[in-house]
Amino acid sequence: MRSVSVEDPVIKEAAEHALKGLNDRSNSLVPYELRQVMTAHAEATDEHTNFDLHIKVARGAKEEEMKAELHRTAEGKWSLKHTGPM
C-alpha cells in the first residue's frame, strides 16, 4: 500500500464512509464525530481500491483513535471491511 495525503478528496470521502459505518454499528445515542484523518494508505487494482485509515474520532467529550479498512469498487460503491481501536 502506498501513503496518500490525508487532504486528498477521496481520503476525506473514505473517512466519512468509515464514520457512517461506525455510527451505524454503534448502539450509542451520541454519534461519533470525525476529528482528524491521521494517516491514509491505498492500494488500487483494476476492479477496486483498498484503503487503510488511521482516524481520530470523538463521541461526546471522549476522543479515540481508530483504524478503518474500506473497499471501493471501480463503480464507486463503498464497503467498510473493519473498524477498531488502534
Protein backbone atom coordinates (compact mmCIF):
# COMPACT_ATOMS: atom_id res chain seq x y z
CA MET A 1 0.00 0.00 0.00
CA ARG A 2 1.15 3.49 -0.72
CA SER A 3 0.80 6.51 1.53
CA VAL A 4 -1.82 9.05 0.42
CA SER A 5 -2.28 12.66 1.52
CA VAL A 6 -4.93 13.00 4.23
CA GLU A 7 -6.11 16.09 2.32
CA ASP A 8 -6.97 14.05 -0.81
CA PRO A 9 -10.73 14.33 -1.50
CA VAL A 10 -11.04 10.54 -1.91
CA ILE A 11 -9.49 10.05 1.54
CA LYS A 12 -11.94 12.52 3.04
CA GLU A 13 -14.77 10.60 1.37
CA ALA A 14 -13.37 7.31 2.73
CA ALA A 15 -13.20 8.80 6.24
CA GLU A 16 -16.85 9.89 6.01
CA HIS A 17 -17.85 6.36 4.98
CA ALA A 18 -15.84 4.94 7.89
CA LEU A 19 -17.59 7.35 10.28
CA LYS A 20 -21.00 6.40 8.90
CA GLY A 21 -20.15 2.73 9.41
CA LEU A 22 -19.03 3.35 12.99
CA ASN A 23 -22.27 5.16 13.76
CA ASP A 24 -24.41 2.52 12.04
CA ARG A 25 -22.80 -0.20 14.17
CA SER A 26 -22.97 1.75 17.43
CA ASN A 27 -25.76 1.41 19.97
CA SER A 28 -24.98 4.80 21.48
CA LEU A 29 -27.36 7.74 21.21
CA VAL A 30 -24.32 10.01 20.89
CA PRO A 31 -22.82 9.74 17.38
CA TYR A 32 -19.13 9.64 16.56
CA GLU A 33 -17.69 12.80 15.03
CA LEU A 34 -14.61 12.84 12.81
CA ARG A 35 -11.84 14.96 14.32
CA GLN A 36 -8.92 14.15 12.02
CA VAL A 37 -7.54 11.71 9.47
CA MET A 38 -4.11 10.88 10.89
CA THR A 39 -2.71 8.68 8.09
CA ALA A 40 -4.04 7.08 4.93
CA HIS A 41 -2.85 4.29 2.66
CA ALA A 42 -4.36 2.98 -0.55
CA GLU A 43 -3.83 0.14 -2.98
CA ALA A 44 -5.58 0.12 -6.36
CA THR A 45 -6.32 -2.69 -8.79
CA ASP A 46 -8.36 -2.65 -11.99
CA GLU A 47 -11.53 -3.59 -10.09
CA HIS A 48 -11.28 -1.90 -6.69
CA THR A 49 -9.25 0.20 -4.28
CA ASN A 50 -8.48 -0.73 -0.67
CA PHE A 51 -7.99 1.99 1.92
CA ASP A 52 -6.43 1.79 5.39
CA LEU A 53 -7.13 4.85 7.52
CA HIS A 54 -5.99 5.93 10.96
CA ILE A 55 -8.62 8.39 12.20
CA LYS A 56 -9.32 10.36 15.35
CA VAL A 57 -12.98 10.40 16.35
CA ALA A 58 -14.92 11.81 19.30
CA ARG A 59 -18.13 10.77 20.96
CA GLY A 60 -19.13 13.42 23.42
CA ALA A 61 -16.02 14.51 25.31
CA LYS A 62 -14.16 11.24 24.71
CA GLU A 63 -11.67 11.08 21.82
CA GLU A 64 -10.43 7.80 20.36
CA GLU A 65 -8.02 6.78 17.63
CA MET A 66 -9.42 4.13 15.31
CA LYS A 67 -8.31 2.17 12.29
CA ALA A 68 -10.64 1.62 9.38
CA GLU A 69 -10.33 -0.66 6.37
CA LEU A 70 -12.53 0.23 3.41
CA HIS A 71 -13.04 -1.06 -0.10
CA ARG A 72 -14.28 0.97 -3.09
CA THR A 73 -15.28 -0.63 -6.36
CA ALA A 74 -14.43 0.88 -9.74
CA GLU A 75 -18.10 1.95 -9.90
CA GLY A 76 -17.65 3.96 -6.67
CA LYS A 77 -19.51 1.68 -4.25
CA TRP A 78 -18.01 1.76 -0.75
CA SER A 79 -17.94 -1.00 1.86
CA LEU A 80 -16.46 -0.88 5.33
CA LYS A 81 -14.47 -4.03 5.98
CA HIS A 82 -13.23 -3.38 9.52
CA THR A 83 -13.03 -0.73 12.22
CA GLY A 84 -11.41 -0.92 15.60
CA PRO A 85 -9.18 0.78 18.12
CA MET A 86 -5.56 1.48 17.26
